[in-house]
Protein backbone atom coordinates (compact mmCIF):
# COMPACT_ATOMS: atom_id res chain seq x y z
CA MET A 1 0.00 0.00 0.00
CA ASN A 2 1.53 3.34 -1.08
CA ALA A 3 1.30 6.69 0.76
CA ARG A 4 -1.74 7.84 -1.26
CA GLU A 5 -3.70 4.71 -0.41
CA GLN A 6 -2.73 4.95 3.28
CA GLU A 7 -3.94 8.57 3.42
CA LEU A 8 -7.20 7.59 1.75
CA GLN A 9 -7.75 4.77 4.24
CA ALA A 10 -7.11 7.09 7.22
CA LEU A 11 -9.66 9.61 5.88
CA LYS A 12 -12.23 6.85 5.49
CA VAL A 13 -11.75 5.82 9.12
CA GLU A 14 -11.97 9.42 10.38
CA ASN A 15 -15.04 10.12 8.26
CA ALA A 16 -16.78 7.07 9.64
CA ARG A 17 -15.98 8.19 13.21
CA LEU A 18 -17.31 11.72 12.63
CA ASN A 19 -20.45 10.40 10.99
CA LYS A 20 -21.05 8.18 13.99
CA ILE A 21 -20.64 11.11 16.45
CA ASN A 22 -22.82 13.40 14.34
CA GLN A 23 -25.58 10.81 14.13
CA ALA A 24 -25.49 10.33 17.90
CA LEU A 25 -25.76 14.09 18.55
CA ILE A 26 -28.65 14.49 16.16
CA GLU A 27 -30.50 11.63 17.84
CA ARG A 28 -30.00 13.20 21.28
CA VAL A 29 -31.13 16.68 20.10
CA GLU A 30 -34.26 15.18 18.59
CA ALA A 31 -34.89 13.27 21.87
CA GLY A 32 -34.42 16.46 23.92
CA SER A 33 -31.47 15.12 25.94
CA GLY A 34 -28.36 17.04 24.78
CA LEU A 35 -24.83 16.70 26.05
CA SER A 36 -25.18 20.05 27.93
CA SER A 37 -27.92 21.90 29.77
CA SER A 38 -28.60 23.99 26.65
CA PRO A 39 -30.25 22.21 23.73
CA TYR A 40 -29.06 25.06 21.48
CA ALA A 41 -25.42 24.43 22.44
CA SER A 42 -25.87 20.76 21.59
CA PHE A 43 -27.34 21.73 18.27
CA GLU A 44 -24.40 24.04 17.49
CA GLN A 45 -21.98 21.23 18.40
CA ALA A 46 -23.82 18.85 16.10
CA ALA A 47 -23.81 21.44 13.28
CA ALA A 48 -20.06 21.97 13.68
CA LEU A 49 -19.45 18.22 13.50
CA ALA A 50 -21.65 18.06 10.42
CA GLU A 51 -19.45 20.69 8.74
CA GLN A 52 -16.35 18.68 9.64
CA VAL A 53 -17.92 15.56 8.18
CA LYS A 54 -18.82 17.49 5.03
CA ALA A 55 -15.27 18.84 4.67
CA ARG A 56 -13.73 15.43 5.26
CA THR A 57 -16.18 13.86 2.80
CA ALA A 58 -15.19 16.40 0.12
CA GLU A 59 -11.51 15.75 0.80
CA LEU A 60 -12.13 12.00 0.71
CA THR A 61 -13.99 12.32 -2.59
CA HIS A 62 -11.14 14.36 -4.09
CA LEU A 63 -8.53 11.85 -2.98
CA ASN A 64 -10.65 9.00 -4.25
CA GLU A 65 -10.88 10.67 -7.67
CA GLN A 66 -7.10 11.14 -7.69
CA LEU A 67 -6.57 7.50 -6.76
CA LEU A 68 -8.94 6.37 -9.51
CA GLN A 69 -7.04 8.53 -12.00
CA GLU A 70 -3.73 7.06 -10.83
CA ILE A 71 -5.14 3.54 -11.17
CA SER A 72 -6.36 4.37 -14.68
CA ASP A 73 -2.95 5.82 -15.60
CA ARG A 74 -1.19 2.78 -14.15
CA LYS A 75 -3.38 0.39 -16.11
CA ARG A 76 -2.74 2.38 -19.29
CA ILE A 77 1.03 2.28 -18.67
CA GLU A 78 0.88 -1.43 -17.89
CA GLY A 79 -0.93 -1.93 -21.19
CA TRP A 80 1.81 -0.05 -23.03
CA LEU A 81 4.50 -2.09 -21.27
CA LEU A 82 2.74 -5.35 -22.08
CA GLU A 83 2.40 -4.33 -25.71
CA ALA A 84 6.08 -3.34 -25.84
CA LYS A 85 7.06 -6.65 -24.21
CA GLN A 86 5.01 -8.60 -26.76
CA ASP A 87 6.60 -6.60 -29.60
CA ALA A 88 10.08 -7.31 -28.21
CA GLU A 89 9.32 -11.02 -27.86
CA GLN A 90 7.94 -11.16 -31.39
CA ALA A 91 11.02 -9.35 -32.70
CA ASN A 92 13.25 -11.81 -30.84
CA LEU A 93 11.38 -14.78 -32.31
CA SER A 94 11.54 -13.23 -35.77
CA LYS A 95 15.29 -12.79 -35.34
CA THR A 96 15.58 -16.45 -34.28
CA ARG A 97 13.54 -17.63 -37.27
CA PHE A 98 15.61 -15.45 -39.59
CA LEU A 99 18.90 -16.79 -38.24
CA ALA A 100 17.59 -20.35 -38.43
CA ALA A 101 16.50 -19.87 -42.05
CA VAL A 102 19.76 -18.18 -43.01
CA SER A 103 21.79 -20.84 -41.24
CA HIS A 104 19.91 -23.61 -43.07
CA ASP A 105 20.58 -21.96 -46.43
CA LEU A 106 24.24 -21.40 -45.55
CA LEU A 107 24.68 -24.90 -44.19
CA GLN A 108 23.81 -26.46 -47.54
CA PRO A 109 26.84 -25.17 -49.50
CA LEU A 110 28.98 -25.37 -46.34
CA ASN A 111 28.04 -29.02 -45.92
CA ALA A 112 28.93 -29.74 -49.54
CA ALA A 113 32.26 -27.91 -49.19
CA ARG A 114 33.15 -29.90 -46.06
CA LEU A 115 32.38 -33.15 -47.89
CA PHE A 116 34.58 -32.19 -50.84
CA THR A 117 37.51 -31.15 -48.64
CA SER A 118 37.15 -34.32 -46.57
CA ALA A 119 37.30 -36.38 -49.75
CA LEU A 120 40.45 -34.48 -50.79
CA GLU A 121 42.05 -35.10 -47.38
CA GLU A 122 41.60 -38.83 -47.98
CA GLN A 123 43.60 -38.63 -51.21
CA PRO A 124 47.38 -39.14 -51.43
CA LEU A 125 48.50 -35.55 -52.08
CA ASP A 126 51.91 -33.92 -51.93
CA THR A 127 52.82 -31.89 -48.87
CA GLY A 128 51.94 -28.53 -50.38
CA LEU A 129 48.48 -29.61 -51.49
CA GLN A 130 47.83 -31.37 -48.19
CA HIS A 131 48.61 -28.14 -46.34
CA LEU A 132 46.33 -26.18 -48.67
CA VAL A 133 43.42 -28.60 -48.30
CA ARG A 134 43.88 -28.68 -44.53
CA SER A 135 43.82 -24.88 -44.39
CA VAL A 136 40.59 -24.78 -46.40
CA SER A 137 39.08 -27.41 -44.11
CA HIS A 138 40.02 -25.41 -41.00
CA SER A 139 38.54 -22.24 -42.48
CA LEU A 140 35.28 -24.03 -43.24
CA ALA A 141 35.26 -25.40 -39.70
CA ASP A 142 35.64 -21.84 -38.36
CA VAL A 143 32.69 -20.67 -40.48
CA GLU A 144 30.62 -23.59 -39.22
CA TYR A 145 31.50 -22.80 -35.62
CA LEU A 146 30.65 -19.10 -35.93
CA LEU A 147 27.35 -19.80 -37.67
CA SER A 148 26.19 -22.45 -35.21
CA THR A 149 27.22 -20.23 -32.28
CA LEU A 150 25.13 -17.28 -33.49
CA VAL A 151 22.09 -19.49 -34.05
CA ASP A 152 22.47 -21.22 -30.68
CA ILE A 153 22.76 -17.99 -28.67
CA SER A 154 19.68 -16.64 -30.44
CA LYS A 155 17.65 -19.78 -29.75
CA LEU A 156 18.68 -19.86 -26.10
CA ASP A 157 17.69 -16.21 -25.59
CA ALA A 158 14.34 -16.82 -27.28
CA GLY A 159 13.63 -19.91 -25.15
CA VAL A 160 13.32 -22.09 -28.25
CA ILE A 161 15.70 -24.76 -26.95
CA GLN A 162 14.20 -26.95 -24.23
CA PRO A 163 15.96 -29.86 -22.48
CA ASP A 164 15.06 -33.42 -23.45
CA LEU A 165 16.12 -35.54 -20.46
CA SER A 166 17.07 -39.19 -20.87
CA VAL A 167 19.07 -41.82 -19.00
CA PHE A 168 22.30 -43.07 -20.55
CA THR A 169 25.81 -44.06 -19.56
CA LEU A 170 28.44 -41.39 -19.86
CA ARG A 171 30.63 -43.72 -21.85
CA ASP A 172 28.09 -43.64 -24.70
CA LEU A 173 28.89 -39.96 -25.13
CA LEU A 174 32.48 -39.63 -23.94
CA ASP A 175 33.87 -42.40 -26.16
CA ASN A 176 32.57 -40.56 -29.23
CA LEU A 177 33.96 -37.23 -28.06
CA ALA A 178 37.30 -38.84 -27.31
CA ALA A 179 37.48 -40.39 -30.79
CA GLU A 180 36.62 -37.03 -32.37
CA TYR A 181 39.10 -34.90 -30.41
CA ARG A 182 41.87 -37.48 -30.48
CA GLN A 183 42.16 -36.75 -34.19
CA VAL A 184 42.04 -32.99 -33.56
CA ALA A 185 44.80 -33.33 -30.97
CA ARG A 186 46.92 -35.36 -33.36
CA SER A 187 46.66 -32.68 -36.03
CA GLU A 188 47.63 -30.01 -33.46
CA ARG A 189 50.49 -32.15 -32.04
CA ILE A 190 48.81 -32.23 -28.63
CA GLU A 191 48.78 -35.29 -26.35
CA PHE A 192 45.19 -36.31 -25.67
CA CYS A 193 44.35 -38.54 -22.67
CA TYR A 194 40.95 -40.03 -21.96
CA VAL A 195 39.74 -41.92 -18.88
CA ALA A 196 36.58 -43.88 -19.70
CA CYS A 197 33.58 -43.67 -17.35
CA SER A 198 30.46 -45.87 -17.43
CA VAL A 199 28.42 -44.02 -14.79
CA PRO A 200 24.68 -43.74 -15.68
CA VAL A 201 23.36 -40.17 -15.69
CA GLN A 202 20.11 -38.37 -16.42
CA THR A 203 20.36 -35.27 -18.60
CA ASP A 204 19.97 -34.02 -22.17
CA LEU A 205 22.59 -35.90 -24.18
CA HIS A 206 22.87 -33.37 -27.01
CA LEU A 207 23.08 -30.30 -24.76
CA LEU A 208 25.69 -32.03 -22.60
CA ALA A 209 27.64 -32.90 -25.74
CA ARG A 210 27.61 -29.20 -26.73
CA ILE A 211 28.94 -28.20 -23.30
CA LEU A 212 31.76 -30.74 -23.37
CA ARG A 213 32.64 -30.01 -27.00
CA ASN A 214 33.06 -26.37 -26.06
CA PHE A 215 35.36 -27.30 -23.16
CA LEU A 216 37.40 -29.58 -25.42
CA ALA A 217 37.54 -27.07 -28.30
CA ASN A 218 38.82 -24.37 -25.94
CA ALA A 219 41.39 -26.75 -24.47
CA MET A 220 42.67 -27.55 -27.97
CA ARG A 221 42.62 -23.88 -28.96
CA TYR A 222 44.68 -22.63 -26.02
CA THR A 223 47.06 -25.57 -25.52
CA PRO A 224 50.35 -25.17 -27.39
CA PRO A 225 51.88 -27.99 -29.45
CA GLY A 226 53.48 -30.55 -27.14
CA GLY A 227 50.94 -29.85 -24.39
CA LYS A 228 48.33 -32.19 -22.93
CA VAL A 229 44.52 -32.32 -22.74
CA LEU A 230 42.66 -34.74 -20.45
CA LEU A 231 39.00 -35.79 -20.51
CA GLY A 232 37.76 -37.73 -17.48
CA CYS A 233 35.25 -38.01 -14.62
CA ARG A 234 35.13 -38.03 -10.82
CA ARG A 235 32.21 -39.70 -9.07
CA GLN A 236 30.95 -38.06 -5.89
CA SER A 237 27.92 -38.51 -3.63
CA GLY A 238 24.89 -38.63 -5.95
CA VAL A 239 26.68 -36.83 -8.79
CA VAL A 240 29.50 -37.22 -11.28
CA VAL A 241 31.82 -34.40 -12.34
CA VAL A 242 33.03 -34.45 -15.96
CA GLN A 243 36.34 -32.61 -16.27
CA VAL A 244 38.46 -31.25 -19.13
CA LEU A 245 42.00 -30.31 -18.16
CA ASP A 246 44.69 -28.66 -20.29
CA THR A 247 48.26 -27.45 -19.95
CA GLY A 248 47.62 -24.11 -21.63
CA PRO A 249 48.68 -20.67 -20.39
CA GLY A 250 45.92 -20.53 -17.77
CA ILE A 251 43.44 -17.74 -17.01
CA PRO A 252 44.22 -14.71 -14.82
CA GLU A 253 42.25 -14.72 -11.58
CA ASP A 254 40.60 -11.38 -12.36
CA LYS A 255 39.28 -12.84 -15.64
CA LEU A 256 37.65 -15.97 -14.18
CA GLY A 257 34.39 -14.16 -13.42
CA MET A 258 34.16 -12.74 -16.94
CA ILE A 259 34.80 -15.70 -19.23
CA PHE A 260 31.17 -16.90 -19.16
CA GLN A 261 29.92 -13.51 -20.37
CA GLU A 262 29.20 -12.68 -24.02
CA PHE A 263 32.03 -11.53 -26.27
CA GLN A 264 34.74 -12.20 -23.69
CA ARG A 265 37.84 -13.75 -25.27
CA LEU A 266 41.28 -14.39 -23.91
CA GLU A 267 44.30 -14.05 -26.14
CA PRO A 268 44.60 -17.36 -28.04
CA ASN A 269 47.77 -19.27 -28.64
CA PRO A 270 49.39 -17.50 -31.64
CA ALA A 271 50.92 -20.78 -32.83
CA ASN A 272 47.47 -22.36 -33.05
CA HIS A 273 45.34 -21.55 -36.08
CA ARG A 274 42.18 -22.64 -34.25
CA ASP A 275 41.77 -19.22 -32.69
CA GLN A 276 38.60 -17.93 -34.34
CA GLY A 277 35.55 -17.13 -32.27
CA LEU A 278 33.15 -14.48 -31.06
CA GLY A 279 33.61 -15.09 -27.36
CA LEU A 280 30.15 -16.67 -27.15
CA GLY A 281 31.09 -20.31 -26.55
CA LEU A 282 31.24 -20.19 -22.75
CA ALA A 283 28.19 -17.89 -22.66
CA ILE A 284 26.29 -20.66 -24.45
CA VAL A 285 27.70 -23.20 -21.99
CA ASP A 286 26.50 -21.06 -19.08
CA ARG A 287 22.97 -20.78 -20.50
CA MET A 288 22.73 -24.50 -21.28
CA ALA A 289 24.11 -25.50 -17.87
CA ARG A 290 21.63 -23.24 -16.05
CA MET A 291 18.80 -24.63 -18.16
CA LEU A 292 19.83 -28.17 -17.18
CA LYS A 293 20.63 -27.11 -13.57
CA HIS A 294 24.13 -28.54 -13.95
CA PRO A 295 26.75 -26.42 -12.13
CA VAL A 296 29.82 -25.54 -14.19
CA SER A 297 33.11 -24.42 -12.68
CA VAL A 298 36.60 -23.41 -13.71
CA ARG A 299 39.94 -23.58 -11.93
CA SER A 300 43.10 -22.19 -13.44
CA CYS A 301 46.74 -21.50 -12.68
CA LEU A 302 48.83 -19.20 -14.83
CA GLN A 303 51.45 -20.99 -16.94
CA ARG A 304 50.16 -24.38 -15.75
CA GLY A 305 46.70 -24.77 -17.29
CA SER A 306 42.98 -24.81 -16.61
CA MET A 307 40.23 -27.26 -15.65
CA PHE A 308 36.62 -26.82 -16.73
CA SER A 309 33.99 -29.12 -15.25
CA VAL A 310 30.25 -29.77 -15.23
CA THR A 311 28.42 -31.64 -12.46
CA LEU A 312 25.70 -34.11 -13.49
CA PRO A 313 23.11 -36.00 -11.42
CA LEU A 314 23.30 -39.77 -11.40
CA ALA A 315 20.38 -41.66 -12.92
CA PRO A 316 17.62 -42.54 -10.39
CA GLU A 317 17.67 -46.03 -8.94
CA GLY A 318 15.82 -48.50 -11.13
CA GLN A 319 16.46 -46.45 -14.29
CA PHE A 320 20.06 -47.52 -14.88
CA PRO A 321 20.51 -48.36 -18.57
CA GLN A 322 22.26 -51.49 -19.69
CA LEU A 323 25.83 -50.82 -20.67
CA ARG A 324 26.29 -50.90 -24.41
CA THR A 325 29.21 -50.38 -26.72
CA ALA A 326 29.47 -46.78 -27.86
CA VAL A 327 29.67 -45.92 -31.52
CA GLY A 328 33.22 -44.65 -31.18
CA THR A 329 34.52 -47.96 -29.82
CA LEU A 330 32.83 -50.36 -32.22
CA PRO A 331 35.11 -52.77 -34.04
CA ARG A 332 36.43 -51.05 -37.14
CA LEU A 333 34.38 -52.81 -39.77
CA GLN A 334 35.52 -52.40 -43.34
CA LEU A 335 33.25 -50.05 -45.25
CA SER A 336 34.72 -51.37 -48.48
CA GLY A 337 31.95 -52.85 -50.59
CA ALA A 338 29.11 -51.41 -48.53
CA ARG A 339 26.15 -50.37 -50.70
CA ILE A 340 24.97 -46.89 -49.71
CA TRP A 341 22.19 -44.86 -51.28
CA VAL A 342 22.19 -41.10 -50.71
CA LEU A 343 18.96 -39.09 -51.07
CA ASP A 344 19.43 -35.28 -51.10
CA ASN A 345 17.83 -32.58 -53.23
CA ASP A 346 21.15 -30.66 -53.42
CA LEU A 347 23.27 -31.94 -56.32
CA SER A 348 26.53 -30.64 -54.82
CA ILE A 349 25.89 -32.50 -51.56
CA CYS A 350 25.16 -35.69 -53.50
CA GLU A 351 28.44 -35.27 -55.41
CA GLY A 352 30.41 -34.48 -52.26
CA MET A 353 28.95 -37.43 -50.37
CA GLU A 354 29.60 -39.73 -53.32
CA ARG A 355 33.26 -38.72 -53.55
CA LEU A 356 33.85 -39.06 -49.81
CA LEU A 357 32.17 -42.46 -49.55
CA HIS A 358 34.05 -43.70 -52.61
CA THR A 359 37.34 -42.96 -50.83
CA TRP A 360 36.14 -45.30 -48.06
CA GLY A 361 35.48 -48.05 -50.60
CA CYS A 362 31.68 -47.80 -50.61
CA GLY A 363 29.46 -48.35 -53.59
CA VAL A 364 27.36 -45.20 -53.78
CA ARG A 365 24.15 -44.33 -55.64
CA THR A 366 22.45 -40.95 -55.33
CA ALA A 367 18.97 -39.55 -55.92
CA GLN A 368 17.49 -36.07 -55.55
CA HIS A 369 13.76 -36.80 -55.41
CA ALA A 370 11.15 -39.56 -55.24
CA GLU A 371 11.37 -40.29 -58.95
CA GLY A 372 15.14 -40.75 -58.70
CA LEU A 373 14.68 -43.12 -55.79
CA ASP A 374 12.16 -45.17 -57.78
CA LEU A 375 14.64 -45.28 -60.68
CA LEU A 376 17.35 -46.64 -58.37
CA LEU A 377 14.93 -49.25 -57.11
CA SER A 378 14.20 -50.41 -60.65
CA GLN A 379 17.84 -50.37 -61.82
CA GLU A 380 19.69 -51.85 -58.86
CA ARG A 381 19.60 -55.58 -58.25
CA ALA A 382 20.15 -55.27 -54.51
CA LEU A 383 18.82 -52.90 -51.87
CA PRO A 384 21.31 -50.64 -50.06
CA ASP A 385 23.05 -51.70 -46.86
CA VAL A 386 22.43 -48.18 -45.53
CA LEU A 387 20.16 -45.39 -46.76
CA VAL A 388 21.44 -41.84 -46.09
CA VAL A 389 18.61 -39.35 -46.47
CA ASP A 390 18.25 -35.59 -46.03
CA TYR A 391 15.20 -34.61 -43.97
CA HIS A 392 14.24 -31.47 -45.92
CA LEU A 393 13.79 -32.17 -49.63
CA SER A 394 12.30 -29.98 -52.36
CA ALA A 395 8.70 -28.70 -52.27
CA GLY A 396 8.33 -29.45 -48.57
CA VAL A 397 8.77 -33.21 -49.06
CA SER A 398 10.12 -35.07 -46.03
CA GLY A 399 12.91 -37.60 -46.47
CA LEU A 400 11.24 -39.70 -43.78
CA ASP A 401 8.13 -40.05 -45.93
CA LEU A 402 10.17 -41.27 -48.91
CA VAL A 403 11.95 -43.80 -46.70
CA GLN A 404 8.59 -45.06 -45.46
CA ASN A 405 7.29 -45.38 -49.03
CA LEU A 406 10.44 -47.27 -50.08
CA GLN A 407 10.16 -49.69 -47.19
CA GLN A 408 6.49 -50.29 -47.95
CA LYS A 409 7.34 -51.07 -51.58
CA THR A 410 10.19 -53.44 -50.73
CA GLY A 411 8.84 -54.89 -47.50
CA VAL A 412 12.34 -54.50 -46.02
CA GLU A 413 13.28 -52.45 -42.96
CA LEU A 414 16.45 -50.65 -44.07
CA PRO A 415 19.12 -49.08 -41.83
CA VAL A 416 18.61 -45.33 -42.19
CA LEU A 417 20.79 -42.33 -41.38
CA VAL A 418 18.86 -39.02 -41.38
CA ILE A 419 20.88 -35.84 -42.02
CA THR A 420 19.38 -32.48 -41.12
CA ALA A 421 19.98 -28.97 -39.79
CA ASN A 422 16.71 -29.17 -37.84
CA HIS A 423 17.45 -29.49 -34.09
CA SER A 424 13.82 -29.70 -32.95
CA HIS A 425 12.84 -32.21 -30.28
CA GLN A 426 9.88 -33.36 -32.39
CA LEU A 427 12.14 -34.51 -35.22
CA LYS A 428 14.64 -36.07 -32.84
CA ALA A 429 11.84 -38.02 -31.13
CA GLU A 430 10.37 -39.15 -34.47
CA VAL A 431 13.73 -40.35 -35.79
CA LYS A 432 14.39 -42.20 -32.55
CA GLN A 433 10.92 -43.78 -32.59
CA ARG A 434 11.51 -45.14 -36.11
CA GLY A 435 14.84 -46.63 -35.05
CA TYR A 436 16.95 -44.43 -37.35
CA GLN A 437 20.20 -42.59 -36.63
CA LEU A 438 20.43 -38.79 -36.72
CA LEU A 439 23.32 -36.63 -37.94
CA TYR A 440 23.32 -32.83 -37.94
CA LYS A 441 24.74 -30.60 -40.65
CA PRO A 442 27.45 -29.73 -41.48
CA VAL A 443 28.44 -33.37 -41.63
CA LYS A 444 31.62 -34.29 -39.77
CA PRO A 445 33.35 -37.13 -41.70
CA LEU A 446 34.49 -38.94 -38.55
CA ARG A 447 30.97 -38.95 -37.11
CA LEU A 448 29.54 -40.00 -40.49
CA ARG A 449 31.93 -42.94 -40.66
CA GLN A 450 31.15 -43.94 -37.06
CA LEU A 451 27.42 -43.98 -37.71
CA LEU A 452 27.77 -45.93 -40.96
CA VAL A 453 29.86 -48.54 -39.14
CA HIS A 454 27.27 -48.60 -36.37
CA LEU A 455 24.37 -49.16 -38.80
CA LEU A 456 26.26 -51.89 -40.67
CA LYS A 457 27.03 -53.59 -37.37
CA ILE A 458 23.34 -53.52 -36.38
CA ALA A 459 22.33 -54.88 -39.80
CA SER A 460 24.88 -57.71 -39.60
CA ASP A 461 23.59 -58.72 -36.12
CA ARG A 462 19.99 -59.12 -37.30
């Protein structure tokens, strides 16, 4: 209650008291039994009280009108604020949709370029060409990182990304990350150590992977050649702490409180070309960790290195998953001779995928639409061992629908790898329900190879 409302309430109480006294005096005058020996004096006293009541009533009415005006003004201002808030939210969502649309359009040629450079890296080239191809590949990786970072920060601010909790063993995720960054470390001449951990946890697997990838990418970026990076876990009471340690230059103590803010970057290692960034990576980590309610922390010592960690809850009792072999640790099956059909409406992506898979010894056939898929079905004597399909095809056609039509025609349940730039939970749930594998654009060759091996292994076990 503000001062105006308190004053109004006090006047109401006083007015009620004066009205009560005035009414009592009037009743006594009319009954002939005044408060004094003179009825006239009692009448004058009653008249004076009546004037006081009248004055207080006028004052009360004036204050009440002022209060009503203030309430009306406040409601009008609240309406303006609500309208402005809705406009701001709509603008934020429009910005998110715009960035998502732009990123999808940019990811198409970027995905094709990454496939072509990956195919070139598999070729026996002289030292000069190898260096050139590797430089192009790193530049494309920097573009991919910047683009995905901008889209992610926009989606997080707009509340578009929501956690999708599941129970899994940490090894299912960490083995894949270790396989991915072991190759990065080798190319940067960094020693990479990994301590496996099979603790069951409950969290969003993809958001956790983004957090840990950021920790690992920073460790690789700031660790000089000859240094070390370690990925491991420590189990504590009811939780497990996943840690990434490096032997980089460390972080000054006065900077530790700033590194999770937007556009905050430390000076990267000048000898390391992987130094591009907007200073948004740890800001994204902070938002994702708070969304998941997973505390993140950092410890650092100058000239000795840093340790970033995230604390995860253990899976509830009775929900422990059965341990299974992670994709990254599957036996290295030979892809040579594997029949793979690629369905994508972008001709350059089909060509890039075909060249990359050919370097792995696969027999590849491509199609860009339903008619092309039907043509493959009529021409080829055998069905593919794996079907790689883009989710978004031309004219709003879904790759999942074409896969379903193909399986209905053949009566065979094919191993399917779905490639997309769509990170929605609805698509992820649908792909999982159908028993397919999901790979996000731009395609990382190592992850592509891992998933193809995984699908071939599943098919051979049937």
